[in-house]
PDB file of all heavy atoms in Angstrom:
ATOM      1  N   GLU A   1      -5.010   2.818  10.829  1.00  0.00           N
ATOM      2  CA  GLU A   1      -4.510   3.533  12.006  1.00  0.00           C
ATOM      3  C   GLU A   1      -5.708   3.777  12.924  1.00  0.00           C
ATOM      4  O   GLU A   1      -6.780   4.155  12.468  1.00  0.00           O
ATOM      5  CB  GLU A   1      -3.874   4.855  11.603  1.00  0.00           C
ATOM      6  CG  GLU A   1      -3.213   5.553  12.762  1.00  0.00           C
ATOM      7  CD  GLU A   1      -2.393   6.756  12.327  1.00  0.00           C
ATOM      8  OE1 GLU A   1      -2.007   6.844  11.155  1.00  0.00           O
ATOM      9  OE2 GLU A   1      -2.150   7.629  13.197  1.00  0.00           O
ATOM     10  N   ALA A   2      -5.503   3.504  14.202  1.00  0.00           N
ATOM     11  CA  ALA A   2      -6.614   3.660  15.168  1.00  0.00           C
ATOM     12  C   ALA A   2      -6.130   4.316  16.435  1.00  0.00           C
ATOM     13  O   ALA A   2      -4.925   4.341  16.709  1.00  0.00           O
ATOM     14  CB  ALA A   2      -7.197   2.269  15.472  1.00  0.00           C
ATOM     15  N   SER A   3      -7.088   4.801  17.210  1.00  0.00           N
ATOM     16  CA  SER A   3      -6.799   5.376  18.498  1.00  0.00           C
ATOM     17  C   SER A   3      -7.904   4.940  19.466  1.00  0.00           C
ATOM     18  O   SER A   3      -9.053   4.877  19.111  1.00  0.00           O
ATOM     19  CB  SER A   3      -6.772   6.908  18.428  1.00  0.00           C
ATOM     20  OG  SER A   3      -6.578   7.459  19.724  1.00  0.00           O
ATOM     21  N   GLY A   4      -7.490   4.595  20.664  1.00  0.00           N
ATOM     22  CA  GLY A   4      -8.452   4.188  21.675  1.00  0.00           C
ATOM     23  C   GLY A   4      -7.747   3.532  22.848  1.00  0.00           C
ATOM     24  O   GLY A   4      -6.527   3.459  22.896  1.00  0.00           O
ATOM     25  N   GLY A   5      -8.535   3.005  23.753  1.00  0.00           N
ATOM     26  CA  GLY A   5      -8.018   2.324  24.893  1.00  0.00           C
ATOM     27  C   GLY A   5      -8.156   0.828  24.776  1.00  0.00           C
ATOM     28  O   GLY A   5      -8.452   0.300  23.708  1.00  0.00           O
ATOM     29  N   CYS A   6      -7.992   0.126  25.901  1.00  0.00           N
ATOM     30  CA  CYS A   6      -8.052  -1.326  25.901  1.00  0.00           C
ATOM     31  C   CYS A   6      -9.446  -1.839  25.523  1.00  0.00           C
ATOM     32  O   CYS A   6      -9.562  -2.877  24.911  1.00  0.00           O
ATOM     33  CB  CYS A   6      -7.648  -1.883  27.262  1.00  0.00           C
ATOM     34  SG  CYS A   6      -5.926  -1.591  27.671  1.00  0.00           S
ATOM     35  N   SER A   7     -10.494  -1.134  25.936  1.00  0.00           N
ATOM     36  CA  SER A   7     -11.847  -1.643  25.689  1.00  0.00           C
ATOM     37  C   SER A   7     -12.686  -0.647  24.835  1.00  0.00           C
ATOM     38  O   SER A   7     -13.908  -0.765  24.789  1.00  0.00           O
ATOM     39  CB  SER A   7     -12.548  -1.869  26.999  1.00  0.00           C
ATOM     40  OG  SER A   7     -12.651  -0.680  27.757  1.00  0.00           O
ATOM     41  N   SER A   8     -12.019   0.343  24.186  1.00  0.00           N
ATOM     42  CA  SER A   8     -12.787   1.259  23.379  1.00  0.00           C
ATOM     43  C   SER A   8     -11.996   1.663  22.133  1.00  0.00           C
ATOM     44  O   SER A   8     -10.779   1.560  22.102  1.00  0.00           O
ATOM     45  CB  SER A   8     -13.142   2.537  24.161  1.00  0.00           C
ATOM     46  OG  SER A   8     -11.955   3.238  24.460  1.00  0.00           O
ATOM     47  N   LEU A   9     -12.710   2.113  21.151  1.00  0.00           N
ATOM     48  CA  LEU A   9     -12.113   2.578  19.917  1.00  0.00           C
ATOM     49  C   LEU A   9     -12.623   3.982  19.667  1.00  0.00           C
ATOM     50  O   LEU A   9     -13.833   4.192  19.525  1.00  0.00           O
ATOM     51  CB  LEU A   9     -12.468   1.653  18.752  1.00  0.00           C
ATOM     52  CG  LEU A   9     -11.922   2.013  17.379  1.00  0.00           C
ATOM     53  CD1 LEU A   9     -10.385   1.921  17.385  1.00  0.00           C
ATOM     54  CD2 LEU A   9     -12.505   1.113  16.322  1.00  0.00           C
ATOM     55  N   ASP A  10     -11.723   4.964  19.677  1.00  0.00           N
ATOM     56  CA  ASP A  10     -12.128   6.357  19.429  1.00  0.00           C
ATOM     57  C   ASP A  10     -12.313   6.636  17.965  1.00  0.00           C
ATOM     58  O   ASP A  10     -13.261   7.274  17.536  1.00  0.00           O
ATOM     59  CB  ASP A  10     -11.087   7.314  20.011  1.00  0.00           C
ATOM     60  CG  ASP A  10     -11.019   7.242  21.533  1.00  0.00           C
ATOM     61  OD1 ASP A  10     -12.037   6.911  22.163  1.00  0.00           O
ATOM     62  OD2 ASP A  10      -9.938   7.482  22.066  1.00  0.00           O
ATOM     63  N   TRP A  11     -11.374   6.173  17.147  1.00  0.00           N
ATOM     64  CA  TRP A  11     -11.477   6.352  15.691  1.00  0.00           C
ATOM     65  C   TRP A  11     -10.611   5.356  14.973  1.00  0.00           C
ATOM     66  O   TRP A  11      -9.696   4.752  15.528  1.00  0.00           O
ATOM     67  CB  TRP A  11     -11.101   7.782  15.277  1.00  0.00           C
ATOM     68  CG  TRP A  11      -9.763   8.255  15.746  1.00  0.00           C
ATOM     69  CD1 TRP A  11      -9.486   8.981  16.893  1.00  0.00           C
ATOM     70  CD2 TRP A  11      -8.490   8.090  15.114  1.00  0.00           C
ATOM     71  NE1 TRP A  11      -8.143   9.253  16.993  1.00  0.00           N
ATOM     72  CE2 TRP A  11      -7.505   8.708  15.903  1.00  0.00           C
ATOM     73  CE3 TRP A  11      -8.084   7.464  13.951  1.00  0.00           C
ATOM     74  CZ2 TRP A  11      -6.151   8.718  15.585  1.00  0.00           C
ATOM     75  CZ3 TRP A  11      -6.735   7.473  13.611  1.00  0.00           C
ATOM     76  CH2 TRP A  11      -5.803   8.102  14.413  1.00  0.00           C
ATOM     77  N   LEU A  12     -10.944   5.122  13.711  1.00  0.00           N
ATOM     78  CA  LEU A  12     -10.225   4.190  12.856  1.00  0.00           C
ATOM     79  C   LEU A  12     -10.235   4.749  11.445  1.00  0.00           C
ATOM     80  O   LEU A  12     -11.256   5.156  10.930  1.00  0.00           O
ATOM     81  CB  LEU A  12     -10.899   2.809  12.855  1.00  0.00           C
ATOM     82  CG  LEU A  12     -10.405   1.787  11.831  1.00  0.00           C
ATOM     83  CD1 LEU A  12      -8.979   1.378  12.183  1.00  0.00           C
ATOM     84  CD2 LEU A  12     -11.332   0.608  11.816  1.00  0.00           C
ATOM     85  N   VAL A  13      -9.063   4.812  10.837  1.00  0.00           N
ATOM     86  CA  VAL A  13      -8.918   5.274   9.461  1.00  0.00           C
ATOM     87  C   VAL A  13      -8.263   4.116   8.679  1.00  0.00           C
ATOM     88  O   VAL A  13      -7.279   3.548   9.101  1.00  0.00           O
ATOM     89  CB  VAL A  13      -8.034   6.518   9.351  1.00  0.00           C
ATOM     90  CG1 VAL A  13      -7.843   6.927   7.894  1.00  0.00           C
ATOM     91  CG2 VAL A  13      -8.635   7.655  10.147  1.00  0.00           C
ATOM     92  N   VAL A  14      -8.867   3.789   7.537  1.00  0.00           N
ATOM     93  CA  VAL A  14      -8.336   2.718   6.688  1.00  0.00           C
ATOM     94  C   VAL A  14      -8.083   3.298   5.292  1.00  0.00           C
ATOM     95  O   VAL A  14      -8.940   3.972   4.727  1.00  0.00           O
ATOM     96  CB  VAL A  14      -9.327   1.529   6.592  1.00  0.00           C
ATOM     97  CG1 VAL A  14      -8.785   0.465   5.658  1.00  0.00           C
ATOM     98  CG2 VAL A  14      -9.625   0.955   7.951  1.00  0.00           C
ATOM     99  N   GLY A  15      -6.880   3.056   4.796  1.00  0.00           N
ATOM    100  CA  GLY A  15      -6.536   3.516   3.454  1.00  0.00           C
ATOM    101  C   GLY A  15      -6.111   2.341   2.558  1.00  0.00           C
ATOM    102  O   GLY A  15      -5.548   1.383   3.036  1.00  0.00           O
ATOM    103  N   ILE A  16      -6.453   2.459   1.286  1.00  0.00           N
ATOM    104  CA  ILE A  16      -6.121   1.421   0.319  1.00  0.00           C
ATOM    105  C   ILE A  16      -5.368   2.071  -0.823  1.00  0.00           C
ATOM    106  O   ILE A  16      -5.755   3.118  -1.309  1.00  0.00           O
ATOM    107  CB  ILE A  16      -7.393   0.748  -0.231  1.00  0.00           C
ATOM    108  CG1 ILE A  16      -8.231   0.147   0.898  1.00  0.00           C
ATOM    109  CG2 ILE A  16      -7.033  -0.307  -1.266  1.00  0.00           C
ATOM    110  CD1 ILE A  16      -9.593  -0.322   0.485  1.00  0.00           C
ATOM    111  N   GLY A  17      -4.272   1.472  -1.231  1.00  0.00           N
ATOM    112  CA  GLY A  17      -3.498   1.988  -2.360  1.00  0.00           C
ATOM    113  C   GLY A  17      -3.223   0.876  -3.383  1.00  0.00           C
ATOM    114  O   GLY A  17      -2.997  -0.247  -3.011  1.00  0.00           O
ATOM    115  N   VAL A  18      -3.260   1.259  -4.636  1.00  0.00           N
ATOM    116  CA  VAL A  18      -2.995   0.283  -5.722  1.00  0.00           C
ATOM    117  C   VAL A  18      -1.970   0.905  -6.657  1.00  0.00           C
ATOM    118  O   VAL A  18      -2.148   2.015  -7.148  1.00  0.00           O
ATOM    119  CB  VAL A  18      -4.282  -0.061  -6.532  1.00  0.00           C
ATOM    120  CG1 VAL A  18      -3.954  -1.062  -7.632  1.00  0.00           C
ATOM    121  CG2 VAL A  18      -5.359  -0.590  -5.614  1.00  0.00           C
ATOM    122  N   ASN A  19      -0.874   0.216  -6.888  1.00  0.00           N
ATOM    123  CA  ASN A  19       0.138   0.643  -7.854  1.00  0.00           C
ATOM    124  C   ASN A  19      -0.314   0.205  -9.211  1.00  0.00           C
ATOM    125  O   ASN A  19      -0.368  -0.983  -9.507  1.00  0.00           O
ATOM    126  CB  ASN A  19       1.508   0.028  -7.541  1.00  0.00           C
ATOM    127  CG  ASN A  19       2.068   0.514  -6.210  1.00  0.00           C
ATOM    128  OD1 ASN A  19       1.794   1.624  -5.791  1.00  0.00           O
ATOM    129  ND2 ASN A  19       2.825  -0.323  -5.557  1.00  0.00           N
ATOM    130  N   VAL A  20      -0.639   1.151 -10.060  1.00  0.00           N
ATOM    131  CA  VAL A  20      -1.207   0.836 -11.374  1.00  0.00           C
ATOM    132  C   VAL A  20      -0.133   1.008 -12.444  1.00  0.00           C
ATOM    133  O   VAL A  20       0.349   0.019 -12.994  1.00  0.00           O
ATOM    134  CB  VAL A  20      -2.442   1.689 -11.686  1.00  0.00           C
ATOM    135  CG1 VAL A  20      -2.983   1.348 -13.066  1.00  0.00           C
ATOM    136  CG2 VAL A  20      -3.523   1.479 -10.618  1.00  0.00           C
ATOM    137  N   ASN A  21       0.209   2.231 -12.795  1.00  0.00           N
ATOM    138  CA  ASN A  21       1.144   2.462 -13.909  1.00  0.00           C
ATOM    139  C   ASN A  21       2.494   2.994 -13.462  1.00  0.00           C
ATOM    140  O   ASN A  21       3.275   3.500 -14.283  1.00  0.00           O
ATOM    141  CB  ASN A  21       0.511   3.442 -14.909  1.00  0.00           C
ATOM    142  CG  ASN A  21      -0.654   2.865 -15.628  1.00  0.00           C
ATOM    143  OD1 ASN A  21      -0.655   1.679 -15.981  1.00  0.00           O
ATOM    144  ND2 ASN A  21      -1.691   3.645 -15.826  1.00  0.00           N
ATOM    145  N   ASN A  22       2.801   2.868 -12.198  1.00  0.00           N
ATOM    146  CA  ASN A  22       4.075   3.387 -11.734  1.00  0.00           C
ATOM    147  C   ASN A  22       5.091   2.257 -11.570  1.00  0.00           C
ATOM    148  O   ASN A  22       4.773   1.086 -11.675  1.00  0.00           O
ATOM    149  CB  ASN A  22       3.902   4.123 -10.385  1.00  0.00           C
ATOM    150  CG  ASN A  22       3.247   3.256  -9.331  1.00  0.00           C
ATOM    151  OD1 ASN A  22       2.484   2.377  -9.628  1.00  0.00           O
ATOM    152  ND2 ASN A  22       3.543   3.547  -8.088  1.00  0.00           N
ATOM    153  N   SER A  23       6.328   2.638 -11.379  1.00  0.00           N
ATOM    154  CA  SER A  23       7.416   1.689 -11.118  1.00  0.00           C
ATOM    155  C   SER A  23       7.897   1.927  -9.699  1.00  0.00           C
ATOM    156  O   SER A  23       8.730   2.827  -9.455  1.00  0.00           O
ATOM    157  CB  SER A  23       8.559   1.905 -12.116  1.00  0.00           C
ATOM    158  OG  SER A  23       8.103   1.645 -13.416  1.00  0.00           O
ATOM    159  N   PRO A  24       7.404   1.176  -8.722  1.00  0.00           N
ATOM    160  CA  PRO A  24       7.799   1.401  -7.335  1.00  0.00           C
ATOM    161  C   PRO A  24       9.308   1.269  -7.168  1.00  0.00           C
ATOM    162  O   PRO A  24       9.934   0.350  -7.663  1.00  0.00           O
ATOM    163  CB  PRO A  24       7.066   0.316  -6.571  1.00  0.00           C
ATOM    164  CG  PRO A  24       5.970  -0.150  -7.470  1.00  0.00           C
ATOM    165  CD  PRO A  24       6.468   0.096  -8.867  1.00  0.00           C
ATOM    166  N   ARG A  25       9.853   2.225  -6.425  1.00  0.00           N
ATOM    167  CA  ARG A  25      11.309   2.188  -6.143  1.00  0.00           C
ATOM    168  C   ARG A  25      11.482   2.127  -4.635  1.00  0.00           C
ATOM    169  O   ARG A  25      11.204   3.074  -3.942  1.00  0.00           O
ATOM    170  CB  ARG A  25      11.961   3.433  -6.689  1.00  0.00           C
ATOM    171  CG  ARG A  25      11.943   3.495  -8.192  1.00  0.00           C
ATOM    172  CD  ARG A  25      12.806   4.648  -8.706  1.00  0.00           C
ATOM    173  NE  ARG A  25      12.699   4.708 -10.147  1.00  0.00           N
ATOM    174  CZ  ARG A  25      12.081   5.678 -10.815  1.00  0.00           C
ATOM    175  NH1 ARG A  25      11.531   6.669 -10.136  1.00  0.00           N
ATOM    176  NH2 ARG A  25      12.006   5.653 -12.107  1.00  0.00           N
ATOM    177  N   LEU A  26      11.928   0.989  -4.164  1.00  0.00           N
ATOM    178  CA  LEU A  26      12.145   0.792  -2.746  1.00  0.00           C
ATOM    179  C   LEU A  26      13.561   0.277  -2.534  1.00  0.00           C
ATOM    180  O   LEU A  26      14.154  -0.321  -3.431  1.00  0.00           O
ATOM    181  CB  LEU A  26      11.156  -0.235  -2.173  1.00  0.00           C
ATOM    182  CG  LEU A  26       9.684   0.163  -2.183  1.00  0.00           C
ATOM    183  CD1 LEU A  26       8.821  -1.002  -1.756  1.00  0.00           C
ATOM    184  CD2 LEU A  26       9.452   1.338  -1.264  1.00  0.00           C
ATOM    185  N   PRO A  27      14.098   0.487  -1.350  1.00  0.00           N
ATOM    186  CA  PRO A  27      15.416  -0.062  -1.036  1.00  0.00           C
ATOM    187  C   PRO A  27      15.374  -1.590  -1.119  1.00  0.00           C
ATOM    188  O   PRO A  27      14.346  -2.192  -0.875  1.00  0.00           O
ATOM    189  CB  PRO A  27      15.720   0.433   0.355  1.00  0.00           C
ATOM    190  CG  PRO A  27      14.480   0.994   0.903  1.00  0.00           C
ATOM    191  CD  PRO A  27      13.542   1.236  -0.236  1.00  0.00           C
ATOM    192  N   PRO A  28      16.509  -2.200  -1.437  1.00  0.00           N
ATOM    193  CA  PRO A  28      16.546  -3.670  -1.602  1.00  0.00           C
ATOM    194  C   PRO A  28      16.066  -4.437  -0.387  1.00  0.00           C
ATOM    195  O   PRO A  28      15.526  -5.528  -0.510  1.00  0.00           O
ATOM    196  CB  PRO A  28      18.015  -3.967  -1.887  1.00  0.00           C
ATOM    197  CG  PRO A  28      18.611  -2.681  -2.323  1.00  0.00           C
ATOM    198  CD  PRO A  28      17.773  -1.597  -1.701  1.00  0.00           C
ATOM    199  N   GLU A  29      16.261  -3.861   0.806  1.00  0.00           N
ATOM    200  CA  GLU A  29      15.842  -4.581   2.002  1.00  0.00           C
ATOM    201  C   GLU A  29      14.340  -4.511   2.277  1.00  0.00           C
ATOM    202  O   GLU A  29      13.816  -5.188   3.148  1.00  0.00           O
ATOM    203  CB  GLU A  29      16.625  -4.094   3.241  1.00  0.00           C
ATOM    204  CG  GLU A  29      16.362  -2.669   3.601  1.00  0.00           C
ATOM    205  CD  GLU A  29      17.237  -1.664   2.873  1.00  0.00           C
ATOM    206  OE1 GLU A  29      18.018  -2.034   1.966  1.00  0.00           O
ATOM    207  OE2 GLU A  29      17.161  -0.485   3.213  1.00  0.00           O
ATOM    208  N   ALA A  30      13.643  -3.665   1.538  1.00  0.00           N
ATOM    209  CA  ALA A  30      12.172  -3.526   1.712  1.00  0.00           C
ATOM    210  C   ALA A  30      11.483  -4.710   1.050  1.00  0.00           C
ATOM    211  O   ALA A  30      12.009  -5.388   0.182  1.00  0.00           O
ATOM    212  CB  ALA A  30      11.696  -2.219   1.120  1.00  0.00           C
ATOM    213  N   LEU A  31      10.211  -4.921   1.456  1.00  0.00           N
ATOM    214  CA  LEU A  31       9.438  -5.949   0.818  1.00  0.00           C
ATOM    215  C   LEU A  31       9.306  -5.679  -0.660  1.00  0.00           C
ATOM    216  O   LEU A  31       9.248  -4.544  -1.072  1.00  0.00           O
ATOM    217  CB  LEU A  31       8.033  -6.015   1.475  1.00  0.00           C
ATOM    218  CG  LEU A  31       7.981  -6.483   2.915  1.00  0.00           C
ATOM    219  CD1 LEU A  31       6.577  -6.314   3.456  1.00  0.00           C
ATOM    220  CD2 LEU A  31       8.435  -7.906   3.030  1.00  0.00           C
ATOM    221  N   PRO A  32       9.204  -6.709  -1.491  1.00  0.00           N
ATOM    222  CA  PRO A  32       9.076  -6.462  -2.932  1.00  0.00           C
ATOM    223  C   PRO A  32       7.776  -5.711  -3.245  1.00  0.00           C
ATOM    224  O   PRO A  32       6.748  -6.010  -2.693  1.00  0.00           O
ATOM    225  CB  PRO A  32       9.082  -7.848  -3.548  1.00  0.00           C
ATOM    226  CG  PRO A  32       8.781  -8.788  -2.439  1.00  0.00           C
ATOM    227  CD  PRO A  32       9.161  -8.117  -1.157  1.00  0.00           C
ATOM    228  N   ALA A  33       7.883  -4.759  -4.128  1.00  0.00           N
ATOM    229  CA  ALA A  33       6.693  -4.003  -4.577  1.00  0.00           C
ATOM    230  C   ALA A  33       6.640  -4.114  -6.091  1.00  0.00           C
ATOM    231  O   ALA A  33       7.628  -4.316  -6.766  1.00  0.00           O
ATOM    232  CB  ALA A  33       6.815  -2.567  -4.149  1.00  0.00           C
ATOM    233  N   SER A  34       5.439  -3.975  -6.616  1.00  0.00           N
ATOM    234  CA  SER A  34       5.265  -4.049  -8.061  1.00  0.00           C
ATOM    235  C   SER A  34       4.091  -3.169  -8.464  1.00  0.00           C
ATOM    236  O   SER A  34       3.578  -2.411  -7.656  1.00  0.00           O
ATOM    237  CB  SER A  34       5.011  -5.507  -8.465  1.00  0.00           C
ATOM    238  OG  SER A  34       5.186  -5.637  -9.864  1.00  0.00           O
ATOM    239  N   SER A  35       3.685  -3.254  -9.704  1.00  0.00           N
ATOM    240  CA  SER A  35       2.514  -2.516 -10.206  1.00  0.00           C
ATOM    241  C   SER A  35       1.878  -3.367 -11.306  1.00  0.00           C
ATOM    242  O   SER A  35       2.489  -4.311 -11.830  1.00  0.00           O
ATOM    243  CB  SER A  35       2.943  -1.155 -10.760  1.00  0.00           C
ATOM    244  OG  SER A  35       3.696  -1.316 -11.923  1.00  0.00           O
ATOM    245  N   LEU A  36       0.649  -3.011 -11.646  1.00  0.00           N
ATOM    246  CA  LEU A  36      -0.014  -3.733 -12.729  1.00  0.00           C
ATOM    247  C   LEU A  36       0.795  -3.602 -14.012  1.00  0.00           C
ATOM    248  O   LEU A  36       0.962  -4.573 -14.769  1.00  0.00           O
ATOM    249  CB  LEU A  36      -1.434  -3.182 -12.935  1.00  0.00           C
ATOM    250  CG  LEU A  36      -2.431  -3.465 -11.832  1.00  0.00           C
ATOM    251  CD1 LEU A  36      -3.763  -2.790 -12.147  1.00  0.00           C
ATOM    252  CD2 LEU A  36      -2.622  -4.956 -11.625  1.00  0.00           C
ATOM    253  N   LYS A  37       1.327  -2.398 -14.284  1.00  0.00           N
ATOM    254  CA  LYS A  37       2.107  -2.178 -15.492  1.00  0.00           C
ATOM    255  C   LYS A  37       3.367  -3.058 -15.516  1.00  0.00           C
ATOM    256  O   LYS A  37       3.695  -3.671 -16.521  1.00  0.00           O
ATOM    257  CB  LYS A  37       2.484  -0.706 -15.616  1.00  0.00           C
ATOM    258  CG  LYS A  37       3.290  -0.387 -16.842  1.00  0.00           C
ATOM    259  CD  LYS A  37       3.609   1.092 -16.925  1.00  0.00           C
ATOM    260  CE  LYS A  37       4.427   1.393 -18.163  1.00  0.00           C
ATOM    261  NZ  LYS A  37       4.697   2.823 -18.274  1.00  0.00           N
ATOM    262  N   LYS A  38       4.046  -3.082 -14.372  1.00  0.00           N
ATOM    263  CA  LYS A  38       5.282  -3.865 -14.316  1.00  0.00           C
ATOM    264  C   LYS A  38       5.004  -5.363 -14.509  1.00  0.00           C
ATOM    265  O   LYS A  38       5.783  -6.074 -15.150  1.00  0.00           O
ATOM    266  CB  LYS A  38       5.969  -3.615 -12.991  1.00  0.00           C
ATOM    267  CG  LYS A  38       7.325  -4.219 -12.834  1.00  0.00           C
ATOM    268  CD  LYS A  38       7.967  -3.787 -11.536  1.00  0.00           C
ATOM    269  CE  LYS A  38       9.343  -4.411 -11.382  1.00  0.00           C
ATOM    270  NZ  LYS A  38       9.955  -4.033 -10.111  1.00  0.00           N
ATOM    271  N   LEU A  39       3.887  -5.845 -13.954  1.00  0.00           N
ATOM    272  CA  LEU A  39       3.565  -7.261 -14.042  1.00  0.00           C
ATOM    273  C   LEU A  39       2.995  -7.675 -15.385  1.00  0.00           C
ATOM    274  O   LEU A  39       3.153  -8.848 -15.805  1.00  0.00           O
ATOM    275  CB  LEU A  39       2.586  -7.635 -12.935  1.00  0.00           C
ATOM    276  CG  LEU A  39       3.118  -7.587 -11.503  1.00  0.00           C
ATOM    277  CD1 LEU A  39       2.015  -7.811 -10.509  1.00  0.00           C
ATOM    278  CD2 LEU A  39       4.247  -8.621 -11.318  1.00  0.00           C
ATOM    279  N   THR A  40       2.333  -6.764 -16.091  1.00  0.00           N
ATOM    280  CA  THR A  40       1.660  -7.132 -17.348  1.00  0.00           C
ATOM    281  C   THR A  40       2.330  -6.513 -18.575  1.00  0.00           C
ATOM    282  O   THR A  40       1.920  -6.829 -19.695  1.00  0.00           O
ATOM    283  CB  THR A  40       0.188  -6.703 -17.330  1.00  0.00           C
ATOM    284  OG1 THR A  40       0.133  -5.263 -17.195  1.00  0.00           O
ATOM    285  CG2 THR A  40      -0.554  -7.352 -16.162  1.00  0.00           C
ATOM    286  N   ASN A  41       3.291  -5.617 -18.342  1.00  0.00           N
ATOM    287  CA  ASN A  41       4.005  -4.969 -19.442  1.00  0.00           C
ATOM    288  C   ASN A  41       3.067  -4.160 -20.367  1.00  0.00           C
ATOM    289  O   ASN A  41       3.226  -4.153 -21.572  1.00  0.00           O
ATOM    290  CB  ASN A  41       4.809  -5.988 -20.253  1.00  0.00           C
ATOM    291  CG  ASN A  41       5.946  -5.328 -20.994  1.00  0.00           C
ATOM    292  OD1 ASN A  41       6.464  -4.289 -20.576  1.00  0.00           O
ATOM    293  ND2 ASN A  41       6.348  -5.918 -22.107  1.00  0.00           N
ATOM    294  N   ARG A  42       2.071  -3.537 -19.743  1.00  0.00           N
ATOM    295  CA  ARG A  42       1.170  -2.638 -20.470  1.00  0.00           C
ATOM    296  C   ARG A  42       0.653  -1.561 -19.548  1.00  0.00           C
ATOM    297  O   ARG A  42       0.685  -1.696 -18.336  1.00  0.00           O
ATOM    298  CB  ARG A  42      -0.012  -3.412 -21.084  1.00  0.00           C
ATOM    299  CG  ARG A  42      -0.968  -4.022 -20.064  1.00  0.00           C
ATOM    300  CD  ARG A  42      -2.178  -4.630 -20.753  1.00  0.00           C
ATOM    301  NE  ARG A  42      -3.258  -3.676 -20.768  1.00  0.00           N
ATOM    302  CZ  ARG A  42      -4.496  -3.941 -20.393  1.00  0.00           C
ATOM    303  NH1 ARG A  42      -4.818  -5.114 -19.978  1.00  0.00           N
ATOM    304  NH2 ARG A  42      -5.422  -3.009 -20.438  1.00  0.00           N
ATOM    305  N   THR A  43       0.205  -0.463 -20.125  1.00  0.00           N
ATOM    306  CA  THR A  43      -0.370   0.660 -19.371  1.00  0.00           C
ATOM    307  C   THR A  43      -1.870   0.383 -19.172  1.00  0.00           C
ATOM    308  O   THR A  43      -2.542  -0.061 -20.084  1.00  0.00           O
ATOM    309  CB  THR A  43      -0.149   1.975 -20.114  1.00  0.00           C
ATOM    310  OG1 THR A  43       1.265   2.144 -20.288  1.00  0.00           O
ATOM    311  CG2 THR A  43      -0.706   3.131 -19.349  1.00  0.00           C
ATOM    312  N   TRP A  44      -2.360   0.718 -17.972  1.00  0.00           N
ATOM    313  CA  TRP A  44      -3.758   0.493 -17.640  1.00  0.00           C
ATOM    314  C   TRP A  44      -4.497   1.812 -17.546  1.00  0.00           C
ATOM    315  O   TRP A  44      -3.956   2.792 -17.019  1.00  0.00           O
ATOM    316  CB  TRP A  44      -3.815  -0.221 -16.279  1.00  0.00           C
ATOM    317  CG  TRP A  44      -3.349  -1.629 -16.367  1.00  0.00           C
ATOM    318  CD1 TRP A  44      -2.048  -2.071 -16.355  1.00  0.00           C
ATOM    319  CD2 TRP A  44      -4.145  -2.787 -16.509  1.00  0.00           C
ATOM    320  NE1 TRP A  44      -2.015  -3.430 -16.464  1.00  0.00           N
ATOM    321  CE2 TRP A  44      -3.303  -3.888 -16.565  1.00  0.00           C
ATOM    322  CE3 TRP A  44      -5.523  -3.003 -16.569  1.00  0.00           C
ATOM    323  CZ2 TRP A  44      -3.754  -5.199 -16.682  1.00  0.00           C
ATOM    324  CZ3 TRP A  44      -5.985  -4.293 -16.709  1.00  0.00           C
ATOM    325  CH2 TRP A  44      -5.108  -5.395 -16.753  1.00  0.00           C
TER     326      TRP A  44
END
């Protein structure tokens, strides 16, 4: 997320998220989501 004008940048925030041991629950029309646990069938 950023804020600024056409030729300037006032601020920028970048966030990173990783689904590790959870089971993401999204509506069917949403992009597919997964987690390391769901993909590997083990807890990390």
